[in-house]
Amino acid sequence: MDIKVNPNPVETRAEILLCGFEQNNLHFILVNSFSQQILSGEIQSNSFILERSSLPSGLYILTVTDDKNNILGRKKIVFE
C-alpha cells in the first residue's frame, strides 16, 4: 500500500493518491508535528484533494485507517 502526495511540499492544495488500497470505509487523519489532530474525514475514492486552508507551514503526518482504526499507511506532508 502506498500513499502519494502531489505536490509535496504543498503550497495551497495537494492531490492524495492511494495505491493498493482495496478496502472501503477508509478514513484519514492529519496531525501536526506536535501530534495534534488538525483534520480528519472519510475517503470516498482512491484519490482526493487535501486543501491547506489556513494551516501554518510545517511538517504534517497523514494517516490512513480502516473502519476498525487499523493503520494502513502514513505519509509525511510539508506545507510551505
C-alpha atoms as a PDB file:
ATOM      1  CA  MET A   1       0.000   0.000   0.000  1.00  0.00           C
ATOM      2  CA  ASP A   2       1.341   3.376  -0.967  1.00  0.00           C
ATOM      3  CA  ILE A   3       0.231   6.965  -0.374  1.00  0.00           C
ATOM      4  CA  LYS A   4       1.388   9.578  -2.886  1.00  0.00           C
ATOM      5  CA  VAL A   5       1.110  13.333  -2.365  1.00  0.00           C
ATOM      6  CA  ASN A   6       1.370  15.621  -5.377  1.00  0.00           C
ATOM      7  CA  PRO A   7       2.919  18.149  -4.990  1.00  0.00           C
ATOM      8  CA  ASN A   8       4.905  17.729  -1.800  1.00  0.00           C
ATOM      9  CA  PRO A   9       5.819  20.268  -0.405  1.00  0.00           C
ATOM     10  CA  VAL A  10       2.330  21.775  -0.638  1.00  0.00           C
ATOM     11  CA  GLU A  11       1.549  25.449  -1.155  1.00  0.00           C
ATOM     12  CA  THR A  12      -2.270  25.542  -1.250  1.00  0.00           C
ATOM     13  CA  ARG A  13      -3.619  22.072  -2.056  1.00  0.00           C
ATOM     14  CA  ALA A  14      -2.424  18.566  -2.852  1.00  0.00           C
ATOM     15  CA  GLU A  15      -3.825  15.529  -4.570  1.00  0.00           C
ATOM     16  CA  ILE A  16      -3.630  12.419  -2.391  1.00  0.00           C
ATOM     17  CA  LEU A  17      -3.398   9.136  -4.325  1.00  0.00           C
ATOM     18  CA  LEU A  18      -3.954   5.813  -2.565  1.00  0.00           C
ATOM     19  CA  CYS A  19      -2.305   2.933  -4.416  1.00  0.00           C
ATOM     20  CA  GLY A  20      -3.022  -0.678  -3.468  1.00  0.00           C
ATOM     21  CA  PHE A  21      -5.915   0.045  -1.097  1.00  0.00           C
ATOM     22  CA  GLU A  22      -8.727  -2.402  -1.852  1.00  0.00           C
ATOM     23  CA  GLN A  23     -10.942  -1.653   1.143  1.00  0.00           C
ATOM     24  CA  ASN A  24     -13.956   0.588   1.552  1.00  0.00           C
ATOM     25  CA  ASN A  25     -14.705   2.750   4.594  1.00  0.00           C
ATOM     26  CA  LEU A  26     -11.271   4.353   4.753  1.00  0.00           C
ATOM     27  CA  HIS A  27     -10.552   7.430   6.848  1.00  0.00           C
ATOM     28  CA  PHE A  28      -7.725   9.929   7.094  1.00  0.00           C
ATOM     29  CA  ILE A  29      -6.235  11.871   9.977  1.00  0.00           C
ATOM     30  CA  LEU A  30      -3.818  14.777   9.569  1.00  0.00           C
ATOM     31  CA  VAL A  31      -1.652  15.637  12.589  1.00  0.00           C
ATOM     32  CA  ASN A  32       0.942  18.369  13.017  1.00  0.00           C
ATOM     33  CA  SER A  33       4.476  17.988  14.359  1.00  0.00           C
ATOM     34  CA  PHE A  34       3.105  18.269  17.925  1.00  0.00           C
ATOM     35  CA  SER A  35       0.829  15.218  17.343  1.00  0.00           C
ATOM     36  CA  GLN A  36      -2.274  17.422  17.435  1.00  0.00           C
ATOM     37  CA  GLN A  37      -5.082  16.265  15.147  1.00  0.00           C
ATOM     38  CA  ILE A  38      -5.733  19.007  12.602  1.00  0.00           C
ATOM     39  CA  LEU A  39      -8.100  17.391  10.086  1.00  0.00           C
ATOM     40  CA  SER A  40      -9.941  14.115   9.679  1.00  0.00           C
ATOM     41  CA  GLY A  41     -12.507  12.676   7.329  1.00  0.00           C
ATOM     42  CA  GLU A  42     -13.789   9.818   5.225  1.00  0.00           C
ATOM     43  CA  ILE A  43     -12.100   8.829   1.995  1.00  0.00           C
ATOM     44  CA  GLN A  44     -14.584   8.335  -0.839  1.00  0.00           C
ATOM     45  CA  SER A  45     -12.194   7.190  -3.605  1.00  0.00           C
ATOM     46  CA  ASN A  46      -8.562   6.321  -4.295  1.00  0.00           C
ATOM     47  CA  SER A  47      -7.753   9.987  -4.859  1.00  0.00           C
ATOM     48  CA  PHE A  48      -8.860  13.142  -3.108  1.00  0.00           C
ATOM     49  CA  ILE A  49      -7.821  16.761  -2.699  1.00  0.00           C
ATOM     50  CA  LEU A  50      -6.355  17.992   0.573  1.00  0.00           C
ATOM     51  CA  GLU A  51      -6.880  21.742   0.988  1.00  0.00           C
ATOM     52  CA  ARG A  52      -4.344  23.588   3.080  1.00  0.00           C
ATOM     53  CA  SER A  53      -6.856  26.248   4.182  1.00  0.00           C
ATOM     54  CA  SER A  54      -5.247  28.342   6.918  1.00  0.00           C
ATOM     55  CA  LEU A  55      -2.824  25.693   8.199  1.00  0.00           C
ATOM     56  CA  PRO A  56       0.594  27.096   9.113  1.00  0.00           C
ATOM     57  CA  SER A  57       3.796  25.995   7.413  1.00  0.00           C
ATOM     58  CA  GLY A  58       5.407  22.878   8.808  1.00  0.00           C
ATOM     59  CA  LEU A  59       5.553  19.108   8.827  1.00  0.00           C
ATOM     60  CA  TYR A  60       2.344  17.073   8.992  1.00  0.00           C
ATOM     61  CA  ILE A  61       1.606  13.344   9.012  1.00  0.00           C
ATOM     62  CA  LEU A  62      -1.306  11.925   7.012  1.00  0.00           C
ATOM     63  CA  THR A  63      -2.535   8.566   8.356  1.00  0.00           C
ATOM     64  CA  VAL A  64      -4.991   6.327   6.508  1.00  0.00           C
ATOM     65  CA  THR A  65      -7.047   3.924   8.630  1.00  0.00           C
ATOM     66  CA  ASP A  66      -9.806   1.384   8.055  1.00  0.00           C
ATOM     67  CA  ASP A  67     -13.178   1.347   9.835  1.00  0.00           C
ATOM     68  CA  LYS A  68     -11.611  -0.525  12.783  1.00  0.00           C
ATOM     69  CA  ASN A  69      -8.905   2.162  13.205  1.00  0.00           C
ATOM     70  CA  ASN A  70      -6.163  -0.133  11.893  1.00  0.00           C
ATOM     71  CA  ILE A  71      -3.399   1.973  10.362  1.00  0.00           C
ATOM     72  CA  LEU A  72      -2.983   1.157   6.677  1.00  0.00           C
ATOM     73  CA  GLY A  73      -0.399   3.783   5.780  1.00  0.00           C
ATOM     74  CA  ARG A  74       1.284   7.048   6.699  1.00  0.00           C
ATOM     75  CA  LYS A  75       2.848   9.850   4.678  1.00  0.00           C
ATOM     76  CA  LYS A  76       4.793  12.971   5.644  1.00  0.00           C
ATOM     77  CA  ILE A  77       3.482  16.190   4.112  1.00  0.00           C
ATOM     78  CA  VAL A  78       5.275  19.529   4.194  1.00  0.00           C
ATOM     79  CA  PHE A  79       3.241  22.746   3.946  1.00  0.00           C
ATOM     80  CA  GLU A  80       5.375  25.657   2.703  1.00  0.00           C
END
